[in-house]
Amino acid sequence: MSTLSKPNHIGRKISRIRELRDMKQEALAQALGTNQQAISAIENSETIEEEKLIEVAKALGVTVEAIKNFSDEAAINYFNNIYDNDFSHSNGATLQPSNCSFNPLDKMMEFVEENRKLYERLVQAEKEKNEYLEKLLKEK
């Protein structure tokens, strides 16, 4: 079952990010000072305590928000856009993996974080607009 059908299943999101990082459960377990069975239990859990989520995020090298906002659909769209852009600007030449000087998952997580910040700014602007309108209504 993908994160598309269970968008809030934190354990599955952790599992997908771990897999995209090409990390085995044993490696994540070692980074967290636990065992593979504990990682399996985390990845099968729909919710995880915030403290544990912070530890897992640090071990995976991503933010807590990146885990919470992760979706397979967004990842697929991100990678498709990279491929489409690279292919359309390469006159048909294919990009070799060794030419990639960055981790695509890091770039995707940056994109998610930037969108989160943009959303927060939009919400703040909307609040300020509402406050201004309320002030104008009170003055009349």
Protein backbone atom coordinates (compact mmCIF):
# COMPACT_ATOMS: atom_id res chain seq x y z
CA MET A 1 0.00 0.00 0.00
CA SER A 2 1.48 3.36 -0.99
CA THR A 3 1.37 6.67 0.80
CA LEU A 4 -1.16 7.73 -1.85
CA SER A 5 -3.88 5.64 -0.23
CA LYS A 6 -2.90 6.42 3.39
CA PRO A 7 -1.53 9.98 3.28
CA ASN A 8 -1.10 10.34 7.06
CA HIS A 9 0.63 7.00 7.71
CA ILE A 10 3.91 8.33 9.10
CA GLY A 11 5.52 4.89 9.28
CA ARG A 12 5.04 4.29 5.56
CA LYS A 13 6.46 7.73 4.80
CA ILE A 14 9.54 6.91 6.89
CA SER A 15 9.87 3.61 5.04
CA ARG A 16 9.67 5.29 1.60
CA ILE A 17 12.20 7.99 2.52
CA ARG A 18 14.52 5.33 3.96
CA GLU A 19 14.22 3.34 0.73
CA LEU A 20 14.85 6.43 -1.40
CA ARG A 21 17.96 7.03 0.70
CA ASP A 22 18.99 3.45 -0.15
CA MET A 23 19.16 2.67 3.56
CA LYS A 24 18.28 -0.68 5.09
CA GLN A 25 16.26 -1.02 8.27
CA GLU A 26 19.38 -2.33 10.01
CA ALA A 27 21.31 0.86 9.15
CA LEU A 28 18.50 3.07 10.43
CA ALA A 29 18.28 0.92 13.56
CA GLN A 30 22.01 1.35 14.17
CA ALA A 31 21.74 5.12 13.72
CA LEU A 32 18.92 5.18 16.30
CA GLY A 33 20.63 2.78 18.70
CA THR A 34 17.92 0.13 18.38
CA ASN A 35 17.26 -3.03 16.40
CA GLN A 36 15.69 -3.87 13.04
CA GLN A 37 12.49 -5.14 14.66
CA ALA A 38 11.94 -1.73 16.29
CA ILE A 39 12.34 -0.03 12.90
CA SER A 40 9.85 -2.46 11.39
CA ALA A 41 7.39 -1.57 14.15
CA ILE A 42 7.92 2.16 13.53
CA GLU A 43 7.35 1.73 9.80
CA ASN A 44 4.13 -0.19 10.47
CA SER A 45 2.83 2.47 12.85
CA GLU A 46 0.34 5.02 11.57
CA THR A 47 1.45 7.57 14.18
CA ILE A 48 4.74 8.14 15.98
CA GLU A 49 5.60 10.21 19.03
CA GLU A 50 7.10 13.59 18.12
CA GLU A 51 10.38 12.88 19.96
CA LYS A 52 10.87 9.63 18.08
CA LEU A 53 9.96 11.33 14.79
CA ILE A 54 12.64 13.98 15.42
CA GLU A 55 15.23 11.25 16.01
CA VAL A 56 14.18 9.35 12.87
CA ALA A 57 14.25 12.52 10.76
CA LYS A 58 17.76 13.32 11.97
CA ALA A 59 18.94 9.77 11.22
CA LEU A 60 17.45 9.99 7.71
CA GLY A 61 18.95 13.43 7.14
CA VAL A 62 15.60 15.15 6.53
CA THR A 63 13.32 17.46 8.49
CA VAL A 64 10.28 16.32 10.45
CA GLU A 65 8.18 18.42 8.06
CA ALA A 66 9.70 16.56 5.11
CA ILE A 67 8.51 13.27 6.60
CA LYS A 68 5.07 14.62 7.46
CA ASN A 69 4.61 16.17 3.99
CA PHE A 70 6.11 13.32 1.97
CA SER A 71 4.00 11.63 -0.68
CA ASP A 72 4.86 9.18 -3.44
CA GLU A 73 2.91 11.33 -5.88
CA ALA A 74 4.99 14.43 -5.10
CA ALA A 75 8.21 12.42 -5.39
CA ILE A 76 7.15 10.95 -8.74
CA ASN A 77 6.15 14.38 -10.05
CA TYR A 78 9.43 15.86 -8.84
CA PHE A 79 11.55 13.20 -10.53
CA ASN A 80 9.45 13.33 -13.70
CA ASN A 81 9.97 17.10 -13.88
CA ILE A 82 13.71 16.68 -13.47
CA TYR A 83 13.78 14.04 -16.21
CA ASP A 84 11.52 16.06 -18.55
CA ASN A 85 13.60 19.22 -18.07
CA ASP A 86 16.93 17.43 -18.47
CA PHE A 87 15.75 15.54 -21.55
CA SER A 88 14.18 18.57 -23.24
CA HIS A 89 17.40 20.57 -22.84
CA SER A 90 19.75 17.79 -23.86
CA ASN A 91 18.73 17.33 -27.53
CA GLY A 92 17.95 13.68 -26.78
CA ALA A 93 21.17 12.85 -24.94
CA THR A 94 20.62 10.88 -21.77
CA LEU A 95 21.97 12.01 -18.42
CA GLN A 96 24.32 9.51 -16.81
CA PRO A 97 23.88 8.95 -13.05
CA SER A 98 27.50 9.96 -12.41
CA ASN A 99 26.68 13.45 -13.74
CA CYS A 100 24.26 14.07 -10.87
CA SER A 101 26.11 16.19 -8.32
CA PHE A 102 23.26 16.36 -5.78
CA ASN A 103 20.90 14.01 -4.00
CA PRO A 104 17.47 14.28 -5.70
CA LEU A 105 15.71 13.46 -2.42
CA ASP A 106 17.45 16.42 -0.76
CA LYS A 107 16.25 18.67 -3.57
CA MET A 108 12.71 17.34 -3.23
CA MET A 109 12.77 17.94 0.53
CA GLU A 110 14.03 21.50 -0.08
CA PHE A 111 11.13 21.98 -2.50
CA VAL A 112 8.63 20.71 0.09
CA GLU A 113 10.12 23.01 2.74
CA GLU A 114 10.02 26.03 0.41
CA ASN A 115 6.36 25.32 -0.39
CA ARG A 116 5.57 25.04 3.32
CA LYS A 117 7.19 28.42 3.97
CA LEU A 118 5.32 29.97 1.05
CA TYR A 119 2.04 28.58 2.38
CA GLU A 120 2.78 30.02 5.84
CA ARG A 121 3.50 33.45 4.31
CA LEU A 122 0.24 33.30 2.35
CA VAL A 123 -1.72 32.39 5.47
CA GLN A 124 -0.06 35.26 7.38
CA ALA A 125 -0.86 37.72 4.58
CA GLU A 126 -4.49 36.56 4.61
CA LYS A 127 -4.67 37.06 8.39
CA GLU A 128 -3.24 40.56 8.06
CA LYS A 129 -5.73 41.38 5.30
CA ASN A 130 -8.62 40.16 7.47
CA GLU A 131 -7.39 42.22 10.44
CA TYR A 132 -7.17 45.30 8.22
CA LEU A 133 -10.67 44.75 6.86
CA GLU A 134 -12.05 44.25 10.38
CA LYS A 135 -10.37 47.49 11.44
CA LEU A 136 -11.98 49.33 8.52
CA LEU A 137 -15.39 47.92 9.40
CA LYS A 138 -15.05 49.03 13.03
CA GLU A 139 -14.12 52.57 11.96
CA LYS A 140 -17.38 52.97 10.02
